[in-house]
């Protein structure tokens, strides 16, 4: 049995709470994933949130054991100092995973985008130390911005979830669909490639456009999956 599955089977309490994370619990998750005793490759809460969103939007199911391994940076549950702390961390992560999945279900997405009757999905994005922000914007050899900026780690997590998935190439390499991903890429790069004068730091609507893009990506994959299923049935 997979170590994560085995851990959960022996600690059923981590699955008991299905309530969405409140603001205090989101802060708790940030602190819990920033503990010094966690593995070096463990993701921060912001990066993990982007990664889990990429997994949730994937056109195919990503096994829980696989994404837990990526989040924690090892093949089994990390030692958080006490059994209670370890259980609490896993519970918070699993609840956030369910929050993300729920946000992009078709009914919820419909109410968000077309009816405005439900709050829009809110990525877990932390504060940025102003001293880490480089102005004017400077680019490295990969045309990525130097320094820190709001949403950077979230976008890094998101793209790390999709970059090794061959299915995503259908979306990422199609010029007709590429604009759908562009609002997320802006946060990954920290600037707009085709608009050098654009300043992400001064754009209060950038995050909203990114979230709207996530909804469109989710809808695209649903339509894609339905078309593929219909095609297979027609054979």
C-alpha atoms as a PDB file:
ATOM      1  CA  UNK A   1       0.000   0.000   0.000  1.00  0.00           C
ATOM      2  CA  UNK A   2       1.200   3.513  -0.803  1.00  0.00           C
ATOM      3  CA  UNK A   3       2.680   5.210   2.309  1.00  0.00           C
ATOM      4  CA  UNK A   4       0.264   8.147   2.093  1.00  0.00           C
ATOM      5  CA  UNK A   5      -2.756   5.897   1.626  1.00  0.00           C
ATOM      6  CA  UNK A   6      -1.527   3.751   4.487  1.00  0.00           C
ATOM      7  CA  UNK A   7      -1.077   6.797   6.725  1.00  0.00           C
ATOM      8  CA  UNK A   8      -4.593   8.056   6.031  1.00  0.00           C
ATOM      9  CA  UNK A   9      -6.038   4.583   6.568  1.00  0.00           C
ATOM     10  CA  UNK A  10      -4.433   4.541  10.014  1.00  0.00           C
ATOM     11  CA  UNK A  11      -5.357   8.158  10.816  1.00  0.00           C
ATOM     12  CA  UNK A  12      -8.993   8.472   9.655  1.00  0.00           C
ATOM     13  CA  UNK A  13      -9.465  11.658  11.676  1.00  0.00           C
ATOM     14  CA  UNK A  14      -7.622  13.648   8.988  1.00  0.00           C
ATOM     15  CA  UNK A  15     -10.603  13.061   6.689  1.00  0.00           C
ATOM     16  CA  UNK A  16     -13.263  13.970   9.226  1.00  0.00           C
ATOM     17  CA  UNK A  17     -13.504  17.719   8.566  1.00  0.00           C
ATOM     18  CA  UNK A  18     -14.992  18.703   5.203  1.00  0.00           C
ATOM     19  CA  UNK A  19     -15.534  22.394   5.943  1.00  0.00           C
ATOM     20  CA  UNK A  20     -13.797  24.938   3.680  1.00  0.00           C
ATOM     21  CA  UNK A  21     -10.713  26.494   5.214  1.00  0.00           C
ATOM     22  CA  UNK A  22     -11.497  29.782   6.921  1.00  0.00           C
ATOM     23  CA  UNK A  23      -9.073  32.710   6.961  1.00  0.00           C
ATOM     24  CA  UNK A  24      -7.437  31.602  10.197  1.00  0.00           C
ATOM     25  CA  UNK A  25      -6.939  28.070   8.893  1.00  0.00           C
ATOM     26  CA  UNK A  26      -5.455  29.381   5.663  1.00  0.00           C
ATOM     27  CA  UNK A  27      -2.926  31.309   7.753  1.00  0.00           C
ATOM     28  CA  UNK A  28      -2.319  28.143   9.755  1.00  0.00           C
ATOM     29  CA  UNK A  29      -1.602  26.231   6.544  1.00  0.00           C
ATOM     30  CA  UNK A  30       0.941  28.872   5.493  1.00  0.00           C
ATOM     31  CA  UNK A  31       2.710  28.504   8.831  1.00  0.00           C
ATOM     32  CA  UNK A  32       2.496  24.706   8.897  1.00  0.00           C
ATOM     33  CA  UNK A  33       4.127  24.335   5.465  1.00  0.00           C
ATOM     34  CA  UNK A  34       6.886  26.742   6.473  1.00  0.00           C
ATOM     35  CA  UNK A  35       8.170  24.729   9.429  1.00  0.00           C
ATOM     36  CA  UNK A  36      11.969  24.168   9.391  1.00  0.00           C
ATOM     37  CA  UNK A  37      11.650  20.453  10.164  1.00  0.00           C
ATOM     38  CA  UNK A  38       9.849  19.739   6.884  1.00  0.00           C
ATOM     39  CA  UNK A  39      11.802  18.284   3.914  1.00  0.00           C
ATOM     40  CA  UNK A  40      13.862  20.746   1.884  1.00  0.00           C
ATOM     41  CA  UNK A  41      11.760  20.005  -1.203  1.00  0.00           C
ATOM     42  CA  UNK A  42       8.448  20.563   0.577  1.00  0.00           C
ATOM     43  CA  UNK A  43       6.371  23.214  -1.168  1.00  0.00           C
ATOM     44  CA  UNK A  44       5.309  26.422   0.489  1.00  0.00           C
ATOM     45  CA  UNK A  45       1.566  26.856   0.982  1.00  0.00           C
ATOM     46  CA  UNK A  46       1.391  29.276  -1.940  1.00  0.00           C
ATOM     47  CA  UNK A  47       3.266  26.991  -4.301  1.00  0.00           C
ATOM     48  CA  UNK A  48       1.279  23.974  -3.125  1.00  0.00           C
ATOM     49  CA  UNK A  49      -1.972  25.839  -3.775  1.00  0.00           C
ATOM     50  CA  UNK A  50      -0.953  26.565  -7.351  1.00  0.00           C
ATOM     51  CA  UNK A  51       0.205  22.988  -7.803  1.00  0.00           C
ATOM     52  CA  UNK A  52      -3.045  21.548  -6.445  1.00  0.00           C
ATOM     53  CA  UNK A  53      -5.051  23.865  -8.691  1.00  0.00           C
ATOM     54  CA  UNK A  54      -3.124  22.590 -11.714  1.00  0.00           C
ATOM     55  CA  UNK A  55      -3.834  19.020 -10.623  1.00  0.00           C
ATOM     56  CA  UNK A  56      -7.519  19.763 -10.020  1.00  0.00           C
ATOM     57  CA  UNK A  57      -7.889  21.298 -13.491  1.00  0.00           C
ATOM     58  CA  UNK A  58      -6.081  18.406 -15.158  1.00  0.00           C
ATOM     59  CA  UNK A  59      -8.051  16.638 -17.909  1.00  0.00           C
ATOM     60  CA  UNK A  60      -7.413  13.357 -16.122  1.00  0.00           C
ATOM     61  CA  UNK A  61      -7.396  12.280 -12.503  1.00  0.00           C
ATOM     62  CA  UNK A  62      -4.183  12.832 -10.549  1.00  0.00           C
ATOM     63  CA  UNK A  63      -3.791  10.252  -7.785  1.00  0.00           C
ATOM     64  CA  UNK A  64      -3.771  11.699  -4.292  1.00  0.00           C
ATOM     65  CA  UNK A  65      -0.599   9.804  -3.434  1.00  0.00           C
ATOM     66  CA  UNK A  66       1.164  11.411  -6.414  1.00  0.00           C
ATOM     67  CA  UNK A  67       0.291  15.001  -5.583  1.00  0.00           C
ATOM     68  CA  UNK A  68       0.955  14.501  -1.875  1.00  0.00           C
ATOM     69  CA  UNK A  69       4.437  13.239  -2.734  1.00  0.00           C
ATOM     70  CA  UNK A  70       5.075  16.359  -4.797  1.00  0.00           C
ATOM     71  CA  UNK A  71       3.705  18.722  -2.163  1.00  0.00           C
ATOM     72  CA  UNK A  72       5.703  17.238   0.708  1.00  0.00           C
ATOM     73  CA  UNK A  73       8.830  16.536  -1.333  1.00  0.00           C
ATOM     74  CA  UNK A  74       9.098  12.903  -0.233  1.00  0.00           C
ATOM     75  CA  UNK A  75       7.297   9.597  -0.640  1.00  0.00           C
ATOM     76  CA  UNK A  76       5.787   9.514   2.853  1.00  0.00           C
ATOM     77  CA  UNK A  77       4.309  11.872   5.423  1.00  0.00           C
ATOM     78  CA  UNK A  78       6.895  14.239   6.912  1.00  0.00           C
ATOM     79  CA  UNK A  79       7.556  14.433  10.624  1.00  0.00           C
ATOM     80  CA  UNK A  80       6.002  17.667  11.882  1.00  0.00           C
ATOM     81  CA  UNK A  81       7.295  17.369  15.427  1.00  0.00           C
ATOM     82  CA  UNK A  82       4.316  15.536  16.890  1.00  0.00           C
ATOM     83  CA  UNK A  83       1.619  13.136  15.653  1.00  0.00           C
ATOM     84  CA  UNK A  84      -1.001  15.797  16.271  1.00  0.00           C
ATOM     85  CA  UNK A  85       0.852  18.370  14.148  1.00  0.00           C
ATOM     86  CA  UNK A  86       1.332  15.868  11.332  1.00  0.00           C
ATOM     87  CA  UNK A  87      -2.351  14.953  11.340  1.00  0.00           C
ATOM     88  CA  UNK A  88      -3.336  18.601  11.396  1.00  0.00           C
ATOM     89  CA  UNK A  89      -1.120  19.477   8.443  1.00  0.00           C
ATOM     90  CA  UNK A  90      -2.480  16.620   6.344  1.00  0.00           C
ATOM     91  CA  UNK A  91      -6.045  17.537   7.291  1.00  0.00           C
ATOM     92  CA  UNK A  92      -5.519  21.153   6.199  1.00  0.00           C
ATOM     93  CA  UNK A  93      -3.954  20.106   2.883  1.00  0.00           C
ATOM     94  CA  UNK A  94      -6.738  17.633   2.107  1.00  0.00           C
ATOM     95  CA  UNK A  95      -9.401  20.180   2.961  1.00  0.00           C
ATOM     96  CA  UNK A  96      -7.771  22.740   0.697  1.00  0.00           C
ATOM     97  CA  UNK A  97      -7.705  20.129  -2.072  1.00  0.00           C
ATOM     98  CA  UNK A  98     -11.448  19.637  -1.666  1.00  0.00           C
ATOM     99  CA  UNK A  99     -11.960  23.427  -1.644  1.00  0.00           C
ATOM    100  CA  UNK A 100     -10.198  23.706  -5.000  1.00  0.00           C
ATOM    101  CA  UNK A 101     -12.059  20.789  -6.531  1.00  0.00           C
ATOM    102  CA  UNK A 102     -15.374  22.225  -5.391  1.00  0.00           C
ATOM    103  CA  UNK A 103     -14.585  25.666  -6.820  1.00  0.00           C
ATOM    104  CA  UNK A 104     -14.245  24.273 -10.347  1.00  0.00           C
ATOM    105  CA  UNK A 105     -17.182  21.908 -10.471  1.00  0.00           C
ATOM    106  CA  UNK A 106     -19.479  22.827 -13.392  1.00  0.00           C
ATOM    107  CA  UNK A 107     -22.389  24.016 -11.237  1.00  0.00           C
ATOM    108  CA  UNK A 108     -20.208  26.235  -9.065  1.00  0.00           C
ATOM    109  CA  UNK A 109     -18.328  27.648 -12.046  1.00  0.00           C
ATOM    110  CA  UNK A 110     -21.634  28.481 -13.712  1.00  0.00           C
ATOM    111  CA  UNK A 111     -22.837  30.362 -10.649  1.00  0.00           C
ATOM    112  CA  UNK A 112     -19.542  32.260 -10.402  1.00  0.00           C
ATOM    113  CA  UNK A 113     -19.098  33.277 -14.022  1.00  0.00           C
ATOM    114  CA  UNK A 114     -22.617  33.659 -15.351  1.00  0.00           C
ATOM    115  CA  UNK A 115     -24.811  34.277 -12.338  1.00  0.00           C
ATOM    116  CA  UNK A 116     -22.454  35.994  -9.907  1.00  0.00           C
ATOM    117  CA  UNK A 117     -24.166  34.204  -7.036  1.00  0.00           C
ATOM    118  CA  UNK A 118     -21.083  32.544  -5.555  1.00  0.00           C
ATOM    119  CA  UNK A 119     -17.671  33.935  -4.538  1.00  0.00           C
ATOM    120  CA  UNK A 120     -14.933  33.561  -7.110  1.00  0.00           C
ATOM    121  CA  UNK A 121     -12.130  31.121  -6.354  1.00  0.00           C
ATOM    122  CA  UNK A 122      -9.401  32.735  -4.273  1.00  0.00           C
ATOM    123  CA  UNK A 123      -5.841  31.457  -4.722  1.00  0.00           C
ATOM    124  CA  UNK A 124      -3.771  31.313  -1.541  1.00  0.00           C
ATOM    125  CA  UNK A 125      -1.207  33.994  -2.279  1.00  0.00           C
ATOM    126  CA  UNK A 126       1.087  35.327   0.408  1.00  0.00           C
ATOM    127  CA  UNK A 127       2.566  38.741   0.996  1.00  0.00           C
ATOM    128  CA  UNK A 128       5.709  39.883  -0.772  1.00  0.00           C
ATOM    129  CA  UNK A 129       8.567  41.595   1.009  1.00  0.00           C
ATOM    130  CA  UNK A 130       8.940  44.988  -0.717  1.00  0.00           C
ATOM    131  CA  UNK A 131      12.710  44.686  -0.397  1.00  0.00           C
ATOM    132  CA  UNK A 132      12.591  41.580  -2.612  1.00  0.00           C
ATOM    133  CA  UNK A 133      10.803  43.403  -5.450  1.00  0.00           C
ATOM    134  CA  UNK A 134      13.191  44.643  -8.135  1.00  0.00           C
ATOM    135  CA  UNK A 135      12.328  47.912  -9.892  1.00  0.00           C
ATOM    136  CA  UNK A 136      12.604  48.670 -12.688  1.00  0.00           C
ATOM    137  CA  UNK A 137      11.807  45.154 -13.907  1.00  0.00           C
ATOM    138  CA  UNK A 138      14.852  43.111 -14.876  1.00  0.00           C
ATOM    139  CA  UNK A 139      14.764  39.833 -16.823  1.00  0.00           C
ATOM    140  CA  UNK A 140      17.026  36.794 -16.586  1.00  0.00           C
ATOM    141  CA  UNK A 141      18.285  34.637 -19.482  1.00  0.00           C
ATOM    142  CA  UNK A 142      14.937  32.793 -19.595  1.00  0.00           C
ATOM    143  CA  UNK A 143      12.986  36.073 -19.853  1.00  0.00           C
ATOM    144  CA  UNK A 144      11.691  35.623 -16.326  1.00  0.00           C
ATOM    145  CA  UNK A 145      11.648  38.548 -13.994  1.00  0.00           C
ATOM    146  CA  UNK A 146      14.350  38.876 -11.342  1.00  0.00           C
ATOM    147  CA  UNK A 147      13.283  39.104  -7.710  1.00  0.00           C
ATOM    148  CA  UNK A 148       9.856  38.537  -6.183  1.00  0.00           C
ATOM    149  CA  UNK A 149       6.351  39.612  -7.144  1.00  0.00           C
ATOM    150  CA  UNK A 150       2.822  38.894  -6.039  1.00  0.00           C
ATOM    151  CA  UNK A 151       1.603  35.445  -7.127  1.00  0.00           C
ATOM    152  CA  UNK A 152       4.987  34.234  -8.356  1.00  0.00           C
ATOM    153  CA  UNK A 153       5.152  31.069  -6.241  1.00  0.00           C
ATOM    154  CA  UNK A 154       1.517  30.237  -6.940  1.00  0.00           C
ATOM    155  CA  UNK A 155       2.128  30.322 -10.691  1.00  0.00           C
ATOM    156  CA  UNK A 156       5.340  28.306 -10.316  1.00  0.00           C
ATOM    157  CA  UNK A 157       3.332  25.637  -8.504  1.00  0.00           C
ATOM    158  CA  UNK A 158       0.623  25.672 -11.157  1.00  0.00           C
ATOM    159  CA  UNK A 159       3.025  25.237 -14.051  1.00  0.00           C
ATOM    160  CA  UNK A 160       4.992  22.550 -12.220  1.00  0.00           C
ATOM    161  CA  UNK A 161       1.737  20.559 -12.115  1.00  0.00           C
ATOM    162  CA  UNK A 162       1.125  20.767 -15.851  1.00  0.00           C
ATOM    163  CA  UNK A 163       4.562  20.921 -17.469  1.00  0.00           C
ATOM    164  CA  UNK A 164       5.168  17.172 -17.305  1.00  0.00           C
ATOM    165  CA  UNK A 165       1.678  16.268 -18.493  1.00  0.00           C
ATOM    166  CA  UNK A 166       1.597  15.505 -22.209  1.00  0.00           C
ATOM    167  CA  UNK A 167      -2.153  16.155 -22.394  1.00  0.00           C
ATOM    168  CA  UNK A 168      -1.666  19.819 -21.532  1.00  0.00           C
ATOM    169  CA  UNK A 169       0.397  20.309 -24.693  1.00  0.00           C
ATOM    170  CA  UNK A 170      -2.857  20.165 -26.635  1.00  0.00           C
ATOM    171  CA  UNK A 171      -3.800  23.406 -24.929  1.00  0.00           C
ATOM    172  CA  UNK A 172      -0.408  25.039 -24.431  1.00  0.00           C
ATOM    173  CA  UNK A 173       0.864  24.582 -28.006  1.00  0.00           C
ATOM    174  CA  UNK A 174      -2.323  25.567 -29.832  1.00  0.00           C
ATOM    175  CA  UNK A 175      -2.191  29.255 -30.864  1.00  0.00           C
ATOM    176  CA  UNK A 176      -5.974  29.392 -30.846  1.00  0.00           C
ATOM    177  CA  UNK A 177      -6.121  28.399 -27.187  1.00  0.00           C
ATOM    178  CA  UNK A 178      -2.869  29.842 -25.876  1.00  0.00           C
ATOM    179  CA  UNK A 179      -4.491  33.178 -24.833  1.00  0.00           C
ATOM    180  CA  UNK A 180      -6.501  31.154 -22.320  1.00  0.00           C
ATOM    181  CA  UNK A 181      -3.308  30.368 -20.390  1.00  0.00           C
ATOM    182  CA  UNK A 182      -1.633  33.758 -20.885  1.00  0.00           C
ATOM    183  CA  UNK A 183      -3.079  35.435 -17.733  1.00  0.00           C
ATOM    184  CA  UNK A 184      -1.515  32.693 -15.610  1.00  0.00           C
ATOM    185  CA  UNK A 185       1.788  32.892 -17.486  1.00  0.00           C
ATOM    186  CA  UNK A 186       2.034  36.599 -16.642  1.00  0.00           C
ATOM    187  CA  UNK A 187       2.357  35.665 -12.971  1.00  0.00           C
ATOM    188  CA  UNK A 188       4.857  32.925 -13.801  1.00  0.00           C
ATOM    189  CA  UNK A 189       7.109  35.279 -15.772  1.00  0.00           C
ATOM    190  CA  UNK A 190       6.376  38.406 -13.753  1.00  0.00           C
ATOM    191  CA  UNK A 191       5.806  40.518 -16.852  1.00  0.00           C
ATOM    192  CA  UNK A 192       3.966  40.607 -20.174  1.00  0.00           C
ATOM    193  CA  UNK A 193       6.218  39.425 -23.027  1.00  0.00           C
ATOM    194  CA  UNK A 194       4.389  41.270 -25.790  1.00  0.00           C
ATOM    195  CA  UNK A 195       3.847  44.447 -23.761  1.00  0.00           C
ATOM    196  CA  UNK A 196       7.192  45.580 -22.288  1.00  0.00           C
ATOM    197  CA  UNK A 197       5.551  48.668 -20.828  1.00  0.00           C
ATOM    198  CA  UNK A 198       3.092  46.573 -18.786  1.00  0.00           C
ATOM    199  CA  UNK A 199       3.679  46.613 -15.019  1.00  0.00           C
ATOM    200  CA  UNK A 200       2.136  43.640 -13.191  1.00  0.00           C
ATOM    201  CA  UNK A 201       2.668  45.300  -9.810  1.00  0.00           C
ATOM    202  CA  UNK A 202       0.389  48.197 -10.755  1.00  0.00           C
ATOM    203  CA  UNK A 203      -2.420  46.108 -12.240  1.00  0.00           C
ATOM    204  CA  UNK A 204      -5.143  45.444  -9.622  1.00  0.00           C
ATOM    205  CA  UNK A 205      -7.167  43.410 -12.132  1.00  0.00           C
ATOM    206  CA  UNK A 206      -4.406  40.944 -13.044  1.00  0.00           C
ATOM    207  CA  UNK A 207      -5.317  38.435 -10.354  1.00  0.00           C
ATOM    208  CA  UNK A 208      -8.993  38.518 -11.313  1.00  0.00           C
ATOM    209  CA  UNK A 209      -8.098  37.865 -14.953  1.00  0.00           C
ATOM    210  CA  UNK A 210      -5.929  34.934 -13.886  1.00  0.00           C
ATOM    211  CA  UNK A 211      -8.750  33.360 -11.876  1.00  0.00           C
ATOM    212  CA  UNK A 212     -11.198  33.883 -14.735  1.00  0.00           C
ATOM    213  CA  UNK A 213      -8.682  32.148 -16.991  1.00  0.00           C
ATOM    214  CA  UNK A 214      -8.631  29.175 -14.616  1.00  0.00           C
ATOM    215  CA  UNK A 215     -12.396  28.838 -14.982  1.00  0.00           C
ATOM    216  CA  UNK A 216     -12.095  28.954 -18.761  1.00  0.00           C
ATOM    217  CA  UNK A 217      -9.360  26.321 -18.682  1.00  0.00           C
ATOM    218  CA  UNK A 218     -11.541  24.098 -16.521  1.00  0.00           C
ATOM    219  CA  UNK A 219     -14.474  24.489 -18.919  1.00  0.00           C
ATOM    220  CA  UNK A 220     -12.207  23.803 -21.896  1.00  0.00           C
ATOM    221  CA  UNK A 221     -11.026  20.509 -20.465  1.00  0.00           C
ATOM    222  CA  UNK A 222     -14.584  19.455 -19.684  1.00  0.00           C
ATOM    223  CA  UNK A 223     -15.602  20.126 -23.281  1.00  0.00           C
ATOM    224  CA  UNK A 224     -12.471  18.400 -24.564  1.00  0.00           C
ATOM    225  CA  UNK A 225     -13.153  15.329 -22.436  1.00  0.00           C
ATOM    226  CA  UNK A 226     -16.797  15.201 -23.543  1.00  0.00           C
ATOM    227  CA  UNK A 227     -15.774  15.439 -27.204  1.00  0.00           C
ATOM    228  CA  UNK A 228     -13.197  12.676 -26.795  1.00  0.00           C
ATOM    229  CA  UNK A 229     -15.726  10.456 -25.032  1.00  0.00           C
ATOM    230  CA  UNK A 230     -18.345  11.062 -27.720  1.00  0.00           C
ATOM    231  CA  UNK A 231     -15.807  10.269 -30.425  1.00  0.00           C
ATOM    232  CA  UNK A 232     -14.870   6.991 -28.792  1.00  0.00           C
ATOM    233  CA  UNK A 233     -18.518   5.975 -28.476  1.00  0.00           C
ATOM    234  CA  UNK A 234     -19.121   6.757 -32.149  1.00  0.00           C
ATOM    235  CA  UNK A 235     -16.441   4.335 -33.298  1.00  0.00           C
END
